[in-house]
């Protein structure tokens, strides 16, 4: 099965914000993978953090088979493929 990745950006880096973000995504079925801190030379305190998560990606073929079955049964939207919207990557600029 394929692996799906998720990255979140924390612009306020405290133990509370990290804990809140990790707990929220773990409840959604994601597994914590790692954290990267962004610092500057003038300060050792992180300016932002990127937290990464992984999970097994759902099989796409099975979802399409279910939609085809609905169409044959007279349910759903015949002839139209339904896809969930996926958010694109965000560009972070200073």
PDB file of N, CA and C in Angstrom:
ATOM      1  N   UNK A   1       0.849  -1.177   0.000  1.00  0.00           N
ATOM      2  CA  UNK A   1       0.000   0.000   0.000  1.00  0.00           C
ATOM      3  C   UNK A   1       0.895   1.241   0.000  1.00  0.00           C
ATOM      4  N   UNK A   2       0.445   2.284  -0.637  1.00  0.00           N
ATOM      5  CA  UNK A   2       1.209   3.531  -0.748  1.00  0.00           C
ATOM      6  C   UNK A   2       1.153   4.321   0.558  1.00  0.00           C
ATOM      7  N   UNK A   3       2.158   5.156   0.743  1.00  0.00           N
ATOM      8  CA  UNK A   3       2.226   6.014   1.927  1.00  0.00           C
ATOM      9  C   UNK A   3       1.852   7.430   1.534  1.00  0.00           C
ATOM     10  N   UNK A   4       1.078   8.070   2.382  1.00  0.00           N
ATOM     11  CA  UNK A   4       0.660   9.451   2.172  1.00  0.00           C
ATOM     12  C   UNK A   4       1.340  10.307   3.240  1.00  0.00           C
ATOM     13  N   UNK A   5       1.815  11.490   2.855  1.00  0.00           N
ATOM     14  CA  UNK A   5       2.520  12.387   3.768  1.00  0.00           C
ATOM     15  C   UNK A   5       1.709  13.652   3.987  1.00  0.00           C
ATOM     16  N   UNK A   6       1.867  14.237   5.177  1.00  0.00           N
ATOM     17  CA  UNK A   6       1.222  15.520   5.481  1.00  0.00           C
ATOM     18  C   UNK A   6       2.232  16.357   6.253  1.00  0.00           C
ATOM     19  N   UNK A   7       2.356  17.623   5.884  1.00  0.00           N
ATOM     20  CA  UNK A   7       3.258  18.555   6.554  1.00  0.00           C
ATOM     21  C   UNK A   7       2.451  19.759   7.012  1.00  0.00           C
ATOM     22  N   UNK A   8       2.693  20.179   8.246  1.00  0.00           N
ATOM     23  CA  UNK A   8       2.034  21.385   8.736  1.00  0.00           C
ATOM     24  C   UNK A   8       3.096  22.371   9.196  1.00  0.00           C
ATOM     25  N   UNK A   9       2.757  23.631   9.126  1.00  0.00           N
ATOM     26  CA  UNK A   9       3.659  24.713   9.523  1.00  0.00           C
ATOM     27  C   UNK A   9       3.128  25.351  10.793  1.00  0.00           C
ATOM     28  N   UNK A  10       4.004  25.512  11.759  1.00  0.00           N
ATOM     29  CA  UNK A  10       3.646  26.222  12.981  1.00  0.00           C
ATOM     30  C   UNK A  10       4.448  27.515  13.021  1.00  0.00           C
ATOM     31  N   UNK A  11       3.759  28.650  12.989  1.00  0.00           N
ATOM     32  CA  UNK A  11       4.470  29.926  13.048  1.00  0.00           C
ATOM     33  C   UNK A  11       4.690  30.377  14.488  1.00  0.00           C
ATOM     34  N   UNK A  12       3.908  29.832  15.413  1.00  0.00           N
ATOM     35  CA  UNK A  12       4.125  30.060  16.848  1.00  0.00           C
ATOM     36  C   UNK A  12       4.614  28.729  17.406  1.00  0.00           C
ATOM     37  N   UNK A  13       5.857  28.705  17.873  1.00  0.00           N
ATOM     38  CA  UNK A  13       6.477  27.449  18.300  1.00  0.00           C
ATOM     39  C   UNK A  13       6.580  27.424  19.821  1.00  0.00           C
ATOM     40  N   UNK A  14       5.636  26.728  20.433  1.00  0.00           N
ATOM     41  CA  UNK A  14       5.668  26.496  21.875  1.00  0.00           C
ATOM     42  C   UNK A  14       5.318  25.032  22.104  1.00  0.00           C
ATOM     43  N   UNK A  15       5.551  24.556  23.314  1.00  0.00           N
ATOM     44  CA  UNK A  15       5.190  23.173  23.607  1.00  0.00           C
ATOM     45  C   UNK A  15       3.685  22.960  23.445  1.00  0.00           C
ATOM     46  N   UNK A  16       2.888  23.967  23.766  1.00  0.00           N
ATOM     47  CA  UNK A  16       1.432  23.840  23.637  1.00  0.00           C
ATOM     48  C   UNK A  16       0.994  23.736  22.178  1.00  0.00           C
ATOM     49  N   UNK A  17       1.555  24.572  21.286  1.00  0.00           N
ATOM     50  CA  UNK A  17       1.137  24.528  19.880  1.00  0.00           C
ATOM     51  C   UNK A  17       1.586  23.232  19.214  1.00  0.00           C
ATOM     52  N   UNK A  18       2.781  22.749  19.563  1.00  0.00           N
ATOM     53  CA  UNK A  18       3.251  21.477  19.000  1.00  0.00           C
ATOM     54  C   UNK A  18       2.365  20.337  19.484  1.00  0.00           C
ATOM     55  N   UNK A  19       2.083  20.321  20.778  1.00  0.00           N
ATOM     56  CA  UNK A  19       1.243  19.269  21.358  1.00  0.00           C
ATOM     57  C   UNK A  19      -0.149  19.267  20.743  1.00  0.00           C
ATOM     58  N   UNK A  20      -0.729  20.450  20.590  1.00  0.00           N
ATOM     59  CA  UNK A  20      -2.071  20.568  20.012  1.00  0.00           C
ATOM     60  C   UNK A  20      -2.095  20.050  18.570  1.00  0.00           C
ATOM     61  N   UNK A  21      -1.107  20.437  17.777  1.00  0.00           N
ATOM     62  CA  UNK A  21      -1.056  20.022  16.375  1.00  0.00           C
ATOM     63  C   UNK A  21      -0.868  18.511  16.249  1.00  0.00           C
ATOM     64  N   UNK A  22       0.058  17.956  17.030  1.00  0.00           N
ATOM     65  CA  UNK A  22       0.322  16.512  16.951  1.00  0.00           C
ATOM     66  C   UNK A  22      -0.902  15.722  17.399  1.00  0.00           C
ATOM     67  N   UNK A  23      -1.489  16.094  18.527  1.00  0.00           N
ATOM     68  CA  UNK A  23      -2.668  15.368  19.017  1.00  0.00           C
ATOM     69  C   UNK A  23      -3.838  15.439  18.044  1.00  0.00           C
ATOM     70  N   UNK A  24      -4.056  16.587  17.425  1.00  0.00           N
ATOM     71  CA  UNK A  24      -5.173  16.741  16.480  1.00  0.00           C
ATOM     72  C   UNK A  24      -5.009  15.816  15.277  1.00  0.00           C
ATOM     73  N   UNK A  25      -3.793  15.739  14.730  1.00  0.00           N
ATOM     74  CA  UNK A  25      -3.598  14.909  13.541  1.00  0.00           C
ATOM     75  C   UNK A  25      -3.503  13.423  13.870  1.00  0.00           C
ATOM     76  N   UNK A  26      -2.992  13.077  15.036  1.00  0.00           N
ATOM     77  CA  UNK A  26      -2.966  11.663  15.443  1.00  0.00           C
ATOM     78  C   UNK A  26      -4.398  11.153  15.607  1.00  0.00           C
ATOM     79  N   UNK A  27      -5.296  12.001  16.131  1.00  0.00           N
ATOM     80  CA  UNK A  27      -6.712  11.620  16.248  1.00  0.00           C
ATOM     81  C   UNK A  27      -7.343  11.361  14.883  1.00  0.00           C
ATOM     82  N   UNK A  28      -6.810  11.991  13.848  1.00  0.00           N
ATOM     83  CA  UNK A  28      -7.335  11.811  12.486  1.00  0.00           C
ATOM     84  C   UNK A  28      -6.711  10.612  11.776  1.00  0.00           C
ATOM     85  N   UNK A  29      -5.862   9.858  12.474  1.00  0.00           N
ATOM     86  CA  UNK A  29      -5.279   8.659  11.877  1.00  0.00           C
ATOM     87  C   UNK A  29      -3.877   8.829  11.327  1.00  0.00           C
ATOM     88  N   UNK A  30      -3.274   9.990  11.489  1.00  0.00           N
ATOM     89  CA  UNK A  30      -1.906  10.223  11.034  1.00  0.00           C
ATOM     90  C   UNK A  30      -0.924   9.756  12.095  1.00  0.00           C
ATOM     91  N   UNK A  31       0.275   9.376  11.672  1.00  0.00           N
ATOM     92  CA  UNK A  31       1.355   8.979  12.578  1.00  0.00           C
ATOM     93  C   UNK A  31       2.443  10.045  12.509  1.00  0.00           C
ATOM     94  N   UNK A  32       2.867  10.530  13.684  1.00  0.00           N
ATOM     95  CA  UNK A  32       3.904  11.555  13.744  1.00  0.00           C
ATOM     96  C   UNK A  32       5.179  10.997  13.151  1.00  0.00           C
ATOM     97  N   UNK A  33       5.822  11.767  12.259  1.00  0.00           N
ATOM     98  CA  UNK A  33       7.033  11.327  11.573  1.00  0.00           C
ATOM     99  C   UNK A  33       8.253  12.118  12.027  1.00  0.00           C
ATOM    100  N   UNK A  34       8.101  13.416  12.256  1.00  0.00           N
ATOM    101  CA  UNK A  34       9.246  14.221  12.668  1.00  0.00           C
ATOM    102  C   UNK A  34       8.899  15.685  12.766  1.00  0.00           C
ATOM    103  N   UNK A  35       9.878  16.452  13.234  1.00  0.00           N
ATOM    104  CA  UNK A  35       9.692  17.900  13.358  1.00  0.00           C
ATOM    105  C   UNK A  35      11.005  18.580  12.991  1.00  0.00           C
ATOM    106  N   UNK A  36      10.904  19.681  12.249  1.00  0.00           N
ATOM    107  CA  UNK A  36      12.082  20.473  11.851  1.00  0.00           C
ATOM    108  C   UNK A  36      11.853  21.897  12.317  1.00  0.00           C
ATOM    109  N   UNK A  37      12.849  22.435  13.004  1.00  0.00           N
ATOM    110  CA  UNK A  37      12.767  23.801  13.512  1.00  0.00           C
ATOM    111  C   UNK A  37      13.561  24.740  12.619  1.00  0.00           C
ATOM    112  N   UNK A  38      13.020  25.946  12.429  1.00  0.00           N
ATOM    113  CA  UNK A  38      13.692  26.985  11.650  1.00  0.00           C
ATOM    114  C   UNK A  38      14.173  28.034  12.638  1.00  0.00           C
ATOM    115  N   UNK A  39      15.498  28.256  12.672  1.00  0.00           N
ATOM    116  CA  UNK A  39      16.078  29.241  13.584  1.00  0.00           C
ATOM    117  C   UNK A  39      16.868  30.272  12.784  1.00  0.00           C
ATOM    118  N   UNK A  40      17.237  31.331  13.457  1.00  0.00           N
ATOM    119  CA  UNK A  40      18.095  32.331  12.836  1.00  0.00           C
ATOM    120  C   UNK A  40      19.422  32.351  13.596  1.00  0.00           C
ATOM    121  N   UNK A  41      20.427  32.959  13.008  1.00  0.00           N
ATOM    122  CA  UNK A  41      21.730  33.032  13.662  1.00  0.00           C
ATOM    123  C   UNK A  41      21.677  33.878  14.929  1.00  0.00           C
ATOM    124  N   UNK A  42      20.816  34.881  14.946  1.00  0.00           N
ATOM    125  CA  UNK A  42      20.765  35.796  16.089  1.00  0.00           C
ATOM    126  C   UNK A  42      19.965  35.245  17.274  1.00  0.00           C
ATOM    127  N   UNK A  43      19.185  34.204  17.064  1.00  0.00           N
ATOM    128  CA  UNK A  43      18.370  33.654  18.139  1.00  0.00           C
ATOM    129  C   UNK A  43      18.335  32.136  18.054  1.00  0.00           C
ATOM    130  N   UNK A  44      18.445  31.487  19.183  1.00  0.00           N
ATOM    131  CA  UNK A  44      18.357  30.032  19.206  1.00  0.00           C
ATOM    132  C   UNK A  44      16.903  29.578  19.293  1.00  0.00           C
ATOM    133  N   UNK A  45      16.005  30.502  19.576  1.00  0.00           N
ATOM    134  CA  UNK A  45      14.581  30.163  19.672  1.00  0.00           C
ATOM    135  C   UNK A  45      14.023  29.958  18.264  1.00  0.00           C
ATOM    136  N   UNK A  46      13.301  28.863  18.030  1.00  0.00           N
ATOM    137  CA  UNK A  46      12.751  28.608  16.689  1.00  0.00           C
ATOM    138  C   UNK A  46      11.762  29.688  16.253  1.00  0.00           C
ATOM    139  N   UNK A  47      11.892  30.110  15.008  1.00  0.00           N
ATOM    140  CA  UNK A  47      10.961  31.079  14.427  1.00  0.00           C
ATOM    141  C   UNK A  47       9.710  30.386  13.910  1.00  0.00           C
ATOM    142  N   UNK A  48       9.862  29.140  13.459  1.00  0.00           N
ATOM    143  CA  UNK A  48       8.742  28.328  12.990  1.00  0.00           C
ATOM    144  C   UNK A  48       9.159  26.870  13.030  1.00  0.00           C
ATOM    145  N   UNK A  49       8.174  25.994  12.879  1.00  0.00           N
ATOM    146  CA  UNK A  49       8.450  24.557  12.866  1.00  0.00           C
ATOM    147  C   UNK A  49       7.594  23.898  11.803  1.00  0.00           C
ATOM    148  N   UNK A  50       8.127  22.847  11.218  1.00  0.00           N
ATOM    149  CA  UNK A  50       7.396  22.025  10.261  1.00  0.00           C
ATOM    150  C   UNK A  50       7.274  20.632  10.862  1.00  0.00           C
ATOM    151  N   UNK A  51       6.052  20.156  10.993  1.00  0.00           N
ATOM    152  CA  UNK A  51       5.794  18.853  11.589  1.00  0.00           C
ATOM    153  C   UNK A  51       5.293  17.940  10.483  1.00  0.00           C
ATOM    154  N   UNK A  52       5.864  16.739  10.408  1.00  0.00           N
ATOM    155  CA  UNK A  52       5.481  15.807   9.347  1.00  0.00           C
ATOM    156  C   UNK A  52       4.771  14.586   9.921  1.00  0.00           C
ATOM    157  N   UNK A  53       3.826  14.082   9.137  1.00  0.00           N
ATOM    158  CA  UNK A  53       3.016  12.928   9.509  1.00  0.00           C
ATOM    159  C   UNK A  53       2.917  11.992   8.312  1.00  0.00           C
ATOM    160  N   UNK A  54       2.671  10.715   8.575  1.00  0.00           N
ATOM    161  CA  UNK A  54       2.477   9.727   7.517  1.00  0.00           C
ATOM    162  C   UNK A  54       1.281   8.845   7.857  1.00  0.00           C
ATOM    163  N   UNK A  55       0.716   8.227   6.839  1.00  0.00           N
ATOM    164  CA  UNK A  55      -0.307   7.197   7.005  1.00  0.00           C
ATOM    165  C   UNK A  55      -0.397   6.412   5.710  1.00  0.00           C
ATOM    166  N   UNK A  56      -1.038   5.262   5.787  1.00  0.00           N
ATOM    167  CA  UNK A  56      -1.241   4.476   4.585  1.00  0.00           C
ATOM    168  C   UNK A  56      -2.319   5.155   3.753  1.00  0.00           C
ATOM    169  N   UNK A  57      -2.035   5.326   2.478  1.00  0.00           N
ATOM    170  CA  UNK A  57      -2.993   5.974   1.582  1.00  0.00           C
ATOM    171  C   UNK A  57      -4.120   4.995   1.257  1.00  0.00           C
ATOM    172  N   UNK A  58      -5.348   5.482   1.185  1.00  0.00           N
ATOM    173  CA  UNK A  58      -6.454   4.593   0.807  1.00  0.00           C
ATOM    174  C   UNK A  58      -6.268   4.118  -0.629  1.00  0.00           C
ATOM    175  N   UNK A  59      -6.706   2.892  -0.863  1.00  0.00           N
ATOM    176  CA  UNK A  59      -6.583   2.349  -2.220  1.00  0.00           C
ATOM    177  C   UNK A  59      -7.586   3.041  -3.128  1.00  0.00           C
ATOM    178  N   UNK A  60      -7.088   3.608  -4.196  1.00  0.00           N
ATOM    179  CA  UNK A  60      -7.947   4.371  -5.112  1.00  0.00           C
ATOM    180  C   UNK A  60      -8.850   3.458  -5.939  1.00  0.00           C
ATOM    181  N   UNK A  61      -8.393   2.299  -6.294  1.00  0.00           N
ATOM    182  CA  UNK A  61      -9.174   1.376  -7.121  1.00  0.00           C
ATOM    183  C   UNK A  61     -10.451   0.933  -6.450  1.00  0.00           C
ATOM    184  N   UNK A  62     -10.399   0.660  -5.145  1.00  0.00           N
ATOM    185  CA  UNK A  62     -11.589   0.208  -4.433  1.00  0.00           C
ATOM    186  C   UNK A  62     -12.636   1.306  -4.361  1.00  0.00           C
ATOM    187  N   UNK A  63     -12.215   2.550  -4.188  1.00  0.00           N
ATOM    188  CA  UNK A  63     -13.169   3.658  -4.131  1.00  0.00           C
ATOM    189  C   UNK A  63     -13.880   3.817  -5.473  1.00  0.00           C
ATOM    190  N   UNK A  64     -13.152   3.669  -6.578  1.00  0.00           N
ATOM    191  CA  UNK A  64     -13.765   3.789  -7.899  1.00  0.00           C
ATOM    192  C   UNK A  64     -14.732   2.638  -8.153  1.00  0.00           C
ATOM    193  N   UNK A  65     -14.394   1.427  -7.679  1.00  0.00           N
ATOM    194  CA  UNK A  65     -15.290   0.282  -7.843  1.00  0.00           C
ATOM    195  C   UNK A  65     -16.598   0.516  -7.104  1.00  0.00           C
ATOM    196  N   UNK A  66     -16.539   1.107  -5.919  1.00  0.00           N
ATOM    197  CA  UNK A  66     -17.752   1.393  -5.160  1.00  0.00           C
ATOM    198  C   UNK A  66     -18.621   2.410  -5.893  1.00  0.00           C
ATOM    199  N   UNK A  67     -17.975   3.432  -6.495  1.00  0.00           N
ATOM    200  CA  UNK A  67     -18.737   4.439  -7.242  1.00  0.00           C
ATOM    201  C   UNK A  67     -19.404   3.805  -8.462  1.00  0.00           C
ATOM    202  N   UNK A  68     -18.711   2.912  -9.159  1.00  0.00           N
ATOM    203  CA  UNK A  68     -19.295   2.240 -10.321  1.00  0.00           C
ATOM    204  C   UNK A  68     -20.487   1.401  -9.901  1.00  0.00           C
ATOM    205  N   UNK A  69     -20.373   0.714  -8.750  1.00  0.00           N
ATOM    206  CA  UNK A  69     -21.471  -0.099  -8.259  1.00  0.00           C
ATOM    207  C   UNK A  69     -22.675   0.775  -7.945  1.00  0.00           C
ATOM    208  N   UNK A  70     -22.466   1.941  -7.350  1.00  0.00           N
ATOM    209  CA  UNK A  70     -23.571   2.850  -7.058  1.00  0.00           C
ATOM    210  C   UNK A  70     -24.265   3.278  -8.344  1.00  0.00           C
ATOM    211  N   UNK A  71     -23.473   3.552  -9.394  1.00  0.00           N
ATOM    212  CA  UNK A  71     -24.047   3.973 -10.662  1.00  0.00           C
ATOM    213  C   UNK A  71     -24.899   2.860 -11.275  1.00  0.00           C
ATOM    214  N   UNK A  72     -24.444   1.629 -11.172  1.00  0.00           N
ATOM    215  CA  UNK A  72     -25.204   0.498 -11.709  1.00  0.00           C
ATOM    216  C   UNK A  72     -26.503   0.293 -10.952  1.00  0.00           C
ATOM    217  N   UNK A  73     -26.489   0.584  -9.654  1.00  0.00           N
ATOM    218  CA  UNK A  73     -27.678   0.416  -8.820  1.00  0.00           C
ATOM    219  C   UNK A  73     -28.647   1.585  -8.956  1.00  0.00           C
ATOM    220  N   UNK A  74     -28.274   2.597  -9.726  1.00  0.00           N
ATOM    221  CA  UNK A  74     -29.142   3.745  -9.902  1.00  0.00           C
ATOM    222  C   UNK A  74     -28.904   4.845  -8.892  1.00  0.00           C
ATOM    223  N   UNK A  75     -27.868   4.685  -8.069  1.00  0.00           N
ATOM    224  CA  UNK A  75     -27.542   5.714  -7.103  1.00  0.00           C
ATOM    225  C   UNK A  75     -26.303   6.450  -7.577  1.00  0.00           C
ATOM    226  N   UNK A  76     -26.046   7.602  -7.003  1.00  0.00           N
ATOM    227  CA  UNK A  76     -24.838   8.350  -7.348  1.00  0.00           C
ATOM    228  C   UNK A  76     -25.017   9.123  -8.641  1.00  0.00           C
ATOM    229  N   UNK A  77     -23.900   9.622  -9.161  1.00  0.00           N
ATOM    230  CA  UNK A  77     -23.925  10.415 -10.382  1.00  0.00           C
ATOM    231  C   UNK A  77     -23.335   9.574 -11.504  1.00  0.00           C
ATOM    232  N   UNK A  78     -24.174   9.043 -12.328  1.00  0.00           N
ATOM    233  CA  UNK A  78     -23.723   8.177 -13.421  1.00  0.00           C
ATOM    234  C   UNK A  78     -22.846   8.943 -14.391  1.00  0.00           C
ATOM    235  N   UNK A  79     -21.728   8.341 -14.754  1.00  0.00           N
ATOM    236  CA  UNK A  79     -20.846   8.934 -15.753  1.00  0.00           C
ATOM    237  C   UNK A  79     -19.925  10.011 -15.231  1.00  0.00           C
ATOM    238  N   UNK A  80     -20.065  10.402 -13.973  1.00  0.00           N
ATOM    239  CA  UNK A  80     -19.211  11.448 -13.409  1.00  0.00           C
ATOM    240  C   UNK A  80     -18.308  10.844 -12.349  1.00  0.00           C
ATOM    241  N   UNK A  81     -17.036  11.153 -12.442  1.00  0.00           N
ATOM    242  CA  UNK A  81     -16.091  10.682 -11.445  1.00  0.00           C
ATOM    243  C   UNK A  81     -16.031  11.706 -10.320  1.00  0.00           C
ATOM    244  N   UNK A  82     -16.203  11.249  -9.095  1.00  0.00           N
ATOM    245  CA  UNK A  82     -16.206  12.136  -7.944  1.00  0.00           C
ATOM    246  C   UNK A  82     -14.842  12.060  -7.287  1.00  0.00           C
ATOM    247  N   UNK A  83     -14.182  13.195  -7.167  1.00  0.00           N
ATOM    248  CA  UNK A  83     -12.861  13.252  -6.535  1.00  0.00           C
ATOM    249  C   UNK A  83     -12.898  14.256  -5.396  1.00  0.00           C
ATOM    250  N   UNK A  84     -12.233  13.893  -4.307  1.00  0.00           N
ATOM    251  CA  UNK A  84     -12.144  14.811  -3.181  1.00  0.00           C
ATOM    252  C   UNK A  84     -11.163  15.928  -3.520  1.00  0.00           C
ATOM    253  N   UNK A  85     -11.484  17.167  -3.154  1.00  0.00           N
ATOM    254  CA  UNK A  85     -10.526  18.250  -3.393  1.00  0.00           C
ATOM    255  C   UNK A  85      -9.310  18.073  -2.490  1.00  0.00           C
ATOM    256  N   UNK A  86      -8.138  18.301  -3.044  1.00  0.00           N
ATOM    257  CA  UNK A  86      -6.903  18.168  -2.284  1.00  0.00           C
ATOM    258  C   UNK A  86      -6.239  19.531  -2.213  1.00  0.00           C
ATOM    259  N   UNK A  87      -5.887  19.956  -1.019  1.00  0.00           N
ATOM    260  CA  UNK A  87      -5.201  21.246  -0.917  1.00  0.00           C
ATOM    261  C   UNK A  87      -3.812  21.150  -1.514  1.00  0.00           C
ATOM    262  N   UNK A  88      -3.403  22.191  -2.196  1.00  0.00           N
ATOM    263  CA  UNK A  88      -2.072  22.225  -2.789  1.00  0.00           C
ATOM    264  C   UNK A  88      -1.034  22.694  -1.793  1.00  0.00           C
ATOM    265  N   UNK A  89       0.205  22.634  -2.155  1.00  0.00           N
ATOM    266  CA  UNK A  89       1.268  23.084  -1.242  1.00  0.00           C
ATOM    267  C   UNK A  89       1.206  24.592  -1.061  1.00  0.00           C
ATOM    268  N   UNK A  90       1.603  25.035   0.143  1.00  0.00           N
ATOM    269  CA  UNK A  90       1.651  26.468   0.423  1.00  0.00           C
ATOM    270  C   UNK A  90       3.076  26.952   0.294  1.00  0.00           C
ATOM    271  N   UNK A  91       3.244  28.106  -0.295  1.00  0.00           N
ATOM    272  CA  UNK A  91       4.545  28.730  -0.426  1.00  0.00           C
ATOM    273  C   UNK A  91       4.750  29.648   0.774  1.00  0.00           C
ATOM    274  N   UNK A  92       5.837  29.430   1.509  1.00  0.00           N
ATOM    275  CA  UNK A  92       6.134  30.241   2.680  1.00  0.00           C
ATOM    276  C   UNK A  92       7.193  31.260   2.311  1.00  0.00           C
ATOM    277  N   UNK A  93       6.866  32.536   2.486  1.00  0.00           N
ATOM    278  CA  UNK A  93       7.814  33.601   2.161  1.00  0.00           C
ATOM    279  C   UNK A  93       8.003  34.480   3.383  1.00  0.00           C
ATOM    280  N   UNK A  94       9.123  35.146   3.447  1.00  0.00           N
ATOM    281  CA  UNK A  94       9.404  36.050   4.573  1.00  0.00           C
ATOM    282  C   UNK A  94       8.823  37.415   4.319  1.00  0.00           C
TER     283      UNK A  94
END
